N, C-alpha and C. Protein backbone atom coordinates (compact mmCIF):
# COMPACT_ATOMS: atom_id res chain seq x y z
N UNK A 1 90.83 59.76 -59.54
CA UNK A 1 89.76 59.95 -60.50
C UNK A 1 89.93 61.33 -61.15
N UNK A 2 89.91 61.39 -62.48
CA UNK A 2 90.09 62.68 -63.14
C UNK A 2 88.89 63.60 -62.91
N UNK A 3 89.16 64.87 -62.87
CA UNK A 3 88.07 65.83 -62.74
C UNK A 3 87.90 66.58 -64.05
N UNK A 4 86.74 67.15 -64.23
CA UNK A 4 86.48 67.99 -65.39
C UNK A 4 86.77 69.43 -64.97
N UNK A 5 87.22 70.27 -65.90
CA UNK A 5 87.62 71.62 -65.51
C UNK A 5 86.45 72.51 -65.07
N UNK A 6 85.30 72.31 -65.64
CA UNK A 6 84.17 73.18 -65.34
C UNK A 6 82.95 72.33 -65.02
N UNK A 7 82.12 72.81 -64.11
CA UNK A 7 80.90 72.10 -63.74
C UNK A 7 79.96 72.03 -64.95
N UNK A 8 79.32 70.88 -65.11
CA UNK A 8 78.38 70.65 -66.20
C UNK A 8 77.02 70.33 -65.58
N UNK A 9 75.97 70.94 -66.09
CA UNK A 9 74.62 70.67 -65.61
C UNK A 9 73.75 70.22 -66.78
N UNK A 10 72.75 69.41 -66.46
CA UNK A 10 71.81 68.96 -67.49
C UNK A 10 70.89 70.12 -67.87
N UNK A 11 70.30 70.04 -69.03
CA UNK A 11 69.39 71.10 -69.47
C UNK A 11 68.17 71.19 -68.57
N UNK A 12 67.68 70.05 -68.06
CA UNK A 12 66.51 70.09 -67.19
C UNK A 12 66.82 70.78 -65.86
N UNK A 13 68.02 70.55 -65.31
CA UNK A 13 68.40 71.23 -64.07
C UNK A 13 68.63 72.71 -64.34
N UNK A 14 69.26 73.03 -65.45
CA UNK A 14 69.52 74.44 -65.79
C UNK A 14 68.21 75.22 -65.90
N UNK A 15 67.20 74.61 -66.49
CA UNK A 15 65.91 75.29 -66.63
C UNK A 15 65.30 75.61 -65.28
N UNK A 16 65.57 74.77 -64.27
CA UNK A 16 64.97 74.97 -62.93
C UNK A 16 65.77 75.92 -62.06
N UNK A 17 67.11 75.95 -62.17
CA UNK A 17 67.90 76.69 -61.17
C UNK A 17 68.80 77.78 -61.73
N UNK A 18 69.00 77.83 -63.03
CA UNK A 18 69.97 78.78 -63.60
C UNK A 18 69.45 80.21 -63.57
N UNK A 19 70.41 81.12 -63.48
CA UNK A 19 70.10 82.55 -63.52
C UNK A 19 70.53 83.12 -64.88
N UNK A 20 69.85 82.71 -65.93
CA UNK A 20 70.13 83.21 -67.26
C UNK A 20 71.15 82.39 -68.02
N UNK A 21 70.96 82.31 -69.32
CA UNK A 21 71.85 81.56 -70.20
C UNK A 21 72.82 82.52 -70.87
N UNK A 22 74.07 82.08 -71.05
CA UNK A 22 75.10 82.91 -71.65
C UNK A 22 75.63 82.32 -72.94
N UNK A 23 76.83 82.71 -73.30
CA UNK A 23 77.47 82.25 -74.53
C UNK A 23 77.75 80.76 -74.50
N UNK A 24 77.86 80.18 -75.68
CA UNK A 24 78.19 78.77 -75.80
C UNK A 24 79.67 78.56 -75.50
N UNK A 25 79.98 77.43 -74.88
CA UNK A 25 81.36 77.09 -74.53
C UNK A 25 81.54 75.58 -74.71
N UNK A 26 82.74 75.19 -75.07
CA UNK A 26 83.08 73.78 -75.22
C UNK A 26 84.17 73.44 -74.20
N UNK A 27 83.96 72.37 -73.43
CA UNK A 27 84.95 71.95 -72.44
C UNK A 27 85.20 70.45 -72.57
N UNK A 28 86.44 70.05 -72.28
CA UNK A 28 86.77 68.63 -72.22
C UNK A 28 86.21 68.08 -70.91
N UNK A 29 85.54 66.95 -70.99
CA UNK A 29 84.89 66.39 -69.81
C UNK A 29 85.31 64.96 -69.56
N UNK A 30 86.60 64.68 -69.71
CA UNK A 30 87.12 63.34 -69.40
C UNK A 30 86.37 62.25 -70.13
N UNK A 31 85.78 61.31 -69.38
CA UNK A 31 85.10 60.17 -70.01
C UNK A 31 83.85 60.58 -70.78
N UNK A 32 83.34 61.79 -70.57
CA UNK A 32 82.16 62.24 -71.31
C UNK A 32 82.52 62.83 -72.68
N UNK A 33 83.82 62.97 -72.96
CA UNK A 33 84.25 63.59 -74.20
C UNK A 33 84.18 65.11 -74.09
N UNK A 34 83.89 65.78 -75.17
CA UNK A 34 83.73 67.24 -75.16
C UNK A 34 82.26 67.55 -74.99
N UNK A 35 81.99 68.53 -74.15
CA UNK A 35 80.62 68.98 -73.92
C UNK A 35 80.53 70.42 -74.40
N UNK A 36 79.56 70.69 -75.25
CA UNK A 36 79.37 72.04 -75.77
C UNK A 36 77.94 72.46 -75.51
N UNK A 37 77.81 73.67 -74.95
CA UNK A 37 76.48 74.20 -74.70
C UNK A 37 76.57 75.58 -74.12
N UNK A 38 75.42 76.19 -73.87
CA UNK A 38 75.42 77.53 -73.28
C UNK A 38 75.93 77.48 -71.85
N UNK A 39 76.42 78.61 -71.38
CA UNK A 39 76.83 78.70 -69.98
C UNK A 39 75.67 79.24 -69.16
N UNK A 40 75.64 78.89 -67.88
CA UNK A 40 74.62 79.36 -66.95
C UNK A 40 75.27 79.67 -65.61
N UNK A 41 74.72 80.61 -64.89
CA UNK A 41 75.18 80.92 -63.54
C UNK A 41 74.36 80.10 -62.56
N UNK A 42 75.05 79.36 -61.67
CA UNK A 42 74.38 78.56 -60.65
C UNK A 42 75.13 78.70 -59.33
N UNK A 43 74.43 78.45 -58.24
CA UNK A 43 75.03 78.39 -56.91
C UNK A 43 75.07 76.94 -56.48
N UNK A 44 76.22 76.51 -55.96
CA UNK A 44 76.39 75.12 -55.53
C UNK A 44 76.88 75.10 -54.10
N UNK A 45 76.19 74.34 -53.25
CA UNK A 45 76.62 74.15 -51.86
C UNK A 45 76.84 72.66 -51.64
N UNK A 46 78.00 72.31 -51.08
CA UNK A 46 78.35 70.91 -50.84
C UNK A 46 78.76 70.74 -49.39
N UNK A 47 78.20 69.74 -48.74
CA UNK A 47 78.62 69.31 -47.41
C UNK A 47 78.66 70.44 -46.38
N UNK A 48 77.61 71.27 -46.37
CA UNK A 48 77.51 72.31 -45.36
C UNK A 48 78.40 73.53 -45.57
N UNK A 49 79.15 73.58 -46.65
CA UNK A 49 79.99 74.74 -46.96
C UNK A 49 79.13 75.85 -47.55
N UNK A 50 79.60 77.08 -47.48
CA UNK A 50 78.84 78.17 -48.11
C UNK A 50 78.67 77.91 -49.61
N UNK A 51 77.57 78.37 -50.16
CA UNK A 51 77.31 78.20 -51.59
C UNK A 51 78.33 78.98 -52.41
N UNK A 52 78.74 78.40 -53.51
CA UNK A 52 79.66 79.04 -54.45
C UNK A 52 78.90 79.37 -55.73
N UNK A 53 79.09 80.57 -56.22
CA UNK A 53 78.51 80.94 -57.51
C UNK A 53 79.52 80.59 -58.59
N UNK A 54 79.09 79.78 -59.57
CA UNK A 54 79.97 79.37 -60.65
C UNK A 54 79.24 79.50 -61.98
N UNK A 55 80.03 79.53 -63.04
CA UNK A 55 79.48 79.47 -64.39
C UNK A 55 79.64 78.04 -64.86
N UNK A 56 78.51 77.38 -65.12
CA UNK A 56 78.52 75.99 -65.56
C UNK A 56 78.17 75.92 -67.04
N UNK A 57 78.48 74.78 -67.65
CA UNK A 57 78.12 74.54 -69.04
C UNK A 57 76.93 73.58 -69.06
N UNK A 58 75.95 73.88 -69.88
CA UNK A 58 74.79 73.00 -70.04
C UNK A 58 75.14 71.97 -71.11
N UNK A 59 74.98 70.70 -70.76
CA UNK A 59 75.33 69.66 -71.72
C UNK A 59 74.61 68.37 -71.46
N UNK A 60 74.73 67.45 -72.40
CA UNK A 60 74.13 66.12 -72.26
C UNK A 60 74.94 65.32 -71.26
N UNK A 61 74.25 64.72 -70.30
CA UNK A 61 74.90 63.89 -69.29
C UNK A 61 74.33 62.48 -69.36
N UNK A 62 75.04 61.49 -68.81
CA UNK A 62 74.52 60.13 -68.81
C UNK A 62 73.14 60.07 -68.15
N UNK A 63 72.36 59.09 -68.54
CA UNK A 63 70.99 58.94 -68.04
C UNK A 63 70.92 59.06 -66.52
N UNK A 64 70.07 59.94 -66.04
CA UNK A 64 69.86 60.10 -64.62
C UNK A 64 70.76 61.13 -63.95
N UNK A 65 71.85 61.51 -64.58
CA UNK A 65 72.76 62.49 -63.98
C UNK A 65 72.23 63.90 -64.23
N UNK A 66 72.31 64.74 -63.21
CA UNK A 66 71.87 66.12 -63.33
C UNK A 66 73.04 67.10 -63.32
N UNK A 67 74.18 66.68 -62.73
CA UNK A 67 75.31 67.59 -62.60
C UNK A 67 76.60 66.80 -62.45
N UNK A 68 77.66 67.34 -63.04
CA UNK A 68 79.03 66.86 -62.80
C UNK A 68 79.77 68.04 -62.20
N UNK A 69 80.18 67.90 -60.94
CA UNK A 69 80.87 68.99 -60.25
C UNK A 69 82.32 69.02 -60.73
N UNK A 70 82.73 70.16 -61.23
CA UNK A 70 84.06 70.28 -61.83
C UNK A 70 85.09 70.88 -60.88
N UNK A 71 86.29 70.98 -61.39
CA UNK A 71 87.40 71.55 -60.62
C UNK A 71 87.14 73.00 -60.25
N UNK A 72 86.29 73.70 -61.01
CA UNK A 72 85.98 75.09 -60.68
C UNK A 72 85.32 75.20 -59.30
N UNK A 73 84.63 74.16 -58.88
CA UNK A 73 84.01 74.11 -57.55
C UNK A 73 84.95 73.42 -56.56
N UNK A 74 85.45 72.25 -56.94
CA UNK A 74 86.26 71.45 -56.01
C UNK A 74 87.51 72.18 -55.54
N UNK A 75 88.18 72.90 -56.44
CA UNK A 75 89.39 73.62 -56.05
C UNK A 75 89.10 74.73 -55.05
N UNK A 76 87.92 75.32 -55.14
CA UNK A 76 87.55 76.38 -54.20
C UNK A 76 87.06 75.82 -52.87
N UNK A 77 86.56 74.58 -52.87
CA UNK A 77 86.06 73.97 -51.63
C UNK A 77 87.15 73.30 -50.81
N UNK A 78 88.16 72.76 -51.46
CA UNK A 78 89.18 71.99 -50.75
C UNK A 78 89.77 72.70 -49.54
N UNK A 79 90.11 73.99 -49.61
CA UNK A 79 90.66 74.66 -48.41
C UNK A 79 89.67 74.70 -47.25
N UNK A 80 88.37 74.60 -47.51
CA UNK A 80 87.34 74.67 -46.46
C UNK A 80 87.05 73.30 -45.85
N UNK A 81 87.41 72.24 -46.56
CA UNK A 81 87.04 70.89 -46.15
C UNK A 81 88.06 70.31 -45.18
N UNK A 82 87.56 69.55 -44.21
CA UNK A 82 88.47 68.89 -43.27
C UNK A 82 89.06 67.62 -43.88
N UNK A 83 88.37 67.04 -44.88
CA UNK A 83 88.89 65.86 -45.57
C UNK A 83 88.90 66.16 -47.06
N UNK A 84 89.80 65.52 -47.78
CA UNK A 84 89.89 65.71 -49.21
C UNK A 84 88.68 65.10 -49.89
N UNK A 85 88.19 65.74 -50.95
CA UNK A 85 87.02 65.22 -51.67
C UNK A 85 87.41 64.07 -52.55
């Protein structure tokens, strides 16, 4: 399954958890096409691993989705995981 290079969050999630909005950025998001929006700082913790601080892009996501975890998170988590994601 292809991954997106950078984590993408919905605007509603960004409003609740982001630590400030930054410059606009455009990223390729595989099946979602290109996503363009402001960047935000967020902390993401997956499967009991320590939280990672990343810069995510705020963008439109399919109905009901709040976040697409990108390679910026997955590549940093893989060395910590006992199984591949």
